[in-house]
Amino acid sequence: MIPKDFDAFQETLDTSAPSKSWSLALQSLWWDAKGDWNASHNIAQDLNTDMGSWIHAYLHRKEGDDWNAGYWYRRAGQPFPKISLEAELKQLVEAALSS
């Protein structure tokens, strides 16, 4: 079942893997929220969409690679954020749930 909002998404983090019925963007975000940057990145780098580029940008920002993150934010049509990583994750999850 697809979570209805960010809080419901957070509640799924006690499972061992995201649902295969979820979008790849949401699965990527789940892996990041679970603490597995590599699993999240492996999915995001293959998502050739604005959402995939935004997730990719967020992940590189999270690792401290602002130059690479900036490239991916531009590809996604998103400004480089001035909010916390936690707030951006929430934005990403909400965007993935609404698409």
C-alpha atoms as a PDB file:
ATOM      1  CA  MET A   1       0.000   0.000   0.000  1.00  0.00           C
ATOM      2  CA  ILE A   2       1.266   3.459  -0.903  1.00  0.00           C
ATOM      3  CA  PRO A   3       1.573   5.815   2.078  1.00  0.00           C
ATOM      4  CA  LYS A   4      -0.883   8.720   2.096  1.00  0.00           C
ATOM      5  CA  ASP A   5       1.524  11.289   3.538  1.00  0.00           C
ATOM      6  CA  PHE A   6       5.007  11.802   4.957  1.00  0.00           C
ATOM      7  CA  ASP A   7       4.080  10.520   8.416  1.00  0.00           C
ATOM      8  CA  ALA A   8       2.685   7.300   6.930  1.00  0.00           C
ATOM      9  CA  PHE A   9       5.866   6.997   4.831  1.00  0.00           C
ATOM     10  CA  GLN A  10       7.950   7.319   8.015  1.00  0.00           C
ATOM     11  CA  GLU A  11       5.943   4.501   9.598  1.00  0.00           C
ATOM     12  CA  THR A  12       7.033   2.132   6.816  1.00  0.00           C
ATOM     13  CA  LEU A  13      10.687   2.471   7.772  1.00  0.00           C
ATOM     14  CA  ASP A  14      10.400  -0.374  10.271  1.00  0.00           C
ATOM     15  CA  THR A  15      10.000  -2.845   7.380  1.00  0.00           C
ATOM     16  CA  SER A  16      12.940  -4.491   5.642  1.00  0.00           C
ATOM     17  CA  ALA A  17      12.293  -3.066   2.167  1.00  0.00           C
ATOM     18  CA  PRO A  18       9.949  -0.689   0.371  1.00  0.00           C
ATOM     19  CA  SER A  19       6.969  -2.092  -1.473  1.00  0.00           C
ATOM     20  CA  LYS A  20       7.691  -3.069  -5.071  1.00  0.00           C
ATOM     21  CA  SER A  21       4.339  -1.465  -5.966  1.00  0.00           C
ATOM     22  CA  TRP A  22       5.749   1.983  -5.114  1.00  0.00           C
ATOM     23  CA  SER A  23       7.233   4.268  -7.735  1.00  0.00           C
ATOM     24  CA  LEU A  24      10.994   3.996  -8.138  1.00  0.00           C
ATOM     25  CA  ALA A  25      11.307   7.566  -6.853  1.00  0.00           C
ATOM     26  CA  LEU A  26       9.526   6.654  -3.627  1.00  0.00           C
ATOM     27  CA  GLN A  27      11.588   3.471  -3.272  1.00  0.00           C
ATOM     28  CA  SER A  28      14.782   5.511  -3.690  1.00  0.00           C
ATOM     29  CA  LEU A  29      13.671   7.965  -1.017  1.00  0.00           C
ATOM     30  CA  TRP A  30      12.752   5.083   1.290  1.00  0.00           C
ATOM     31  CA  TRP A  31      16.268   3.651   1.038  1.00  0.00           C
ATOM     32  CA  ASP A  32      17.754   7.053   1.826  1.00  0.00           C
ATOM     33  CA  ALA A  33      15.436   7.513   4.813  1.00  0.00           C
ATOM     34  CA  LYS A  34      16.487   4.048   5.957  1.00  0.00           C
ATOM     35  CA  GLY A  35      20.142   5.151   5.840  1.00  0.00           C
ATOM     36  CA  ASP A  36      21.232   3.298   2.705  1.00  0.00           C
ATOM     37  CA  TRP A  37      22.627   6.082   0.496  1.00  0.00           C
ATOM     38  CA  ASN A  38      24.025   3.632  -2.065  1.00  0.00           C
ATOM     39  CA  ALA A  39      20.748   1.786  -2.626  1.00  0.00           C
ATOM     40  CA  SER A  40      18.958   5.114  -2.971  1.00  0.00           C
ATOM     41  CA  HIS A  41      21.573   6.462  -5.392  1.00  0.00           C
ATOM     42  CA  ASN A  42      21.510   3.286  -7.505  1.00  0.00           C
ATOM     43  CA  ILE A  43      17.810   3.830  -8.153  1.00  0.00           C
ATOM     44  CA  ALA A  44      17.928   7.632  -8.544  1.00  0.00           C
ATOM     45  CA  GLN A  45      20.746   7.650 -11.074  1.00  0.00           C
ATOM     46  CA  ASP A  46      18.664   5.491 -13.406  1.00  0.00           C
ATOM     47  CA  LEU A  47      15.537   7.673 -13.121  1.00  0.00           C
ATOM     48  CA  ASN A  48      15.685   9.886 -16.202  1.00  0.00           C
ATOM     49  CA  THR A  49      13.013  12.280 -14.971  1.00  0.00           C
ATOM     50  CA  ASP A  50      12.975  15.643 -13.219  1.00  0.00           C
ATOM     51  CA  MET A  51      12.095  13.800 -10.005  1.00  0.00           C
ATOM     52  CA  GLY A  52      15.009  11.414 -10.464  1.00  0.00           C
ATOM     53  CA  SER A  53      17.358  14.359 -11.022  1.00  0.00           C
ATOM     54  CA  TRP A  54      16.011  16.090  -7.910  1.00  0.00           C
ATOM     55  CA  ILE A  55      16.559  12.989  -5.776  1.00  0.00           C
ATOM     56  CA  HIS A  56      20.030  12.594  -7.306  1.00  0.00           C
ATOM     57  CA  ALA A  57      20.791  16.241  -6.441  1.00  0.00           C
ATOM     58  CA  TYR A  58      19.583  15.798  -2.860  1.00  0.00           C
ATOM     59  CA  LEU A  59      21.740  12.709  -2.412  1.00  0.00           C
ATOM     60  CA  HIS A  60      24.885  14.483  -3.625  1.00  0.00           C
ATOM     61  CA  ARG A  61      24.068  17.465  -1.405  1.00  0.00           C
ATOM     62  CA  LYS A  62      23.723  15.030   1.485  1.00  0.00           C
ATOM     63  CA  GLU A  63      27.172  13.584   0.818  1.00  0.00           C
ATOM     64  CA  GLY A  64      28.638  17.103   0.729  1.00  0.00           C
ATOM     65  CA  ASP A  65      29.303  17.256  -3.024  1.00  0.00           C
ATOM     66  CA  ASP A  66      27.686  20.646  -3.684  1.00  0.00           C
ATOM     67  CA  TRP A  67      29.208  20.980  -7.164  1.00  0.00           C
ATOM     68  CA  ASN A  68      27.659  17.713  -8.365  1.00  0.00           C
ATOM     69  CA  ALA A  69      24.434  18.455  -6.483  1.00  0.00           C
ATOM     70  CA  GLY A  70      24.198  21.825  -8.241  1.00  0.00           C
ATOM     71  CA  TYR A  71      24.419  20.116 -11.622  1.00  0.00           C
ATOM     72  CA  TRP A  72      21.542  17.772 -10.733  1.00  0.00           C
ATOM     73  CA  TYR A  73      19.401  20.549  -9.230  1.00  0.00           C
ATOM     74  CA  ARG A  74      19.756  22.450 -12.517  1.00  0.00           C
ATOM     75  CA  ARG A  75      18.785  19.301 -14.451  1.00  0.00           C
ATOM     76  CA  ALA A  76      15.743  18.934 -12.205  1.00  0.00           C
ATOM     77  CA  GLY A  77      14.749  22.587 -12.640  1.00  0.00           C
ATOM     78  CA  GLN A  78      15.098  23.108  -8.884  1.00  0.00           C
ATOM     79  CA  PRO A  79      17.007  25.841  -7.035  1.00  0.00           C
ATOM     80  CA  PHE A  80      19.814  24.805  -4.715  1.00  0.00           C
ATOM     81  CA  PRO A  81      17.905  24.525  -1.403  1.00  0.00           C
ATOM     82  CA  LYS A  82      18.530  26.625   1.660  1.00  0.00           C
ATOM     83  CA  ILE A  83      16.564  24.269   3.902  1.00  0.00           C
ATOM     84  CA  SER A  84      17.767  21.346   5.981  1.00  0.00           C
ATOM     85  CA  LEU A  85      18.251  17.929   4.431  1.00  0.00           C
ATOM     86  CA  GLU A  86      15.415  16.648   6.614  1.00  0.00           C
ATOM     87  CA  ALA A  87      13.041  19.300   5.277  1.00  0.00           C
ATOM     88  CA  GLU A  88      14.094  18.539   1.712  1.00  0.00           C
ATOM     89  CA  LEU A  89      13.514  14.816   2.227  1.00  0.00           C
ATOM     90  CA  LYS A  90       9.995  15.633   3.378  1.00  0.00           C
ATOM     91  CA  GLN A  91       9.453  17.794   0.285  1.00  0.00           C
ATOM     92  CA  LEU A  92      10.736  15.008  -1.956  1.00  0.00           C
ATOM     93  CA  VAL A  93       8.544  12.361  -0.357  1.00  0.00           C
ATOM     94  CA  GLU A  94       5.486  14.593  -0.606  1.00  0.00           C
ATOM     95  CA  ALA A  95       6.269  15.325  -4.270  1.00  0.00           C
ATOM     96  CA  ALA A  96       6.732  11.612  -5.000  1.00  0.00           C
ATOM     97  CA  LEU A  97       3.450  10.788  -3.274  1.00  0.00           C
ATOM     98  CA  SER A  98       1.545  13.426  -5.227  1.00  0.00           C
ATOM     99  CA  SER A  99       2.797  12.326  -8.637  1.00  0.00           C
END
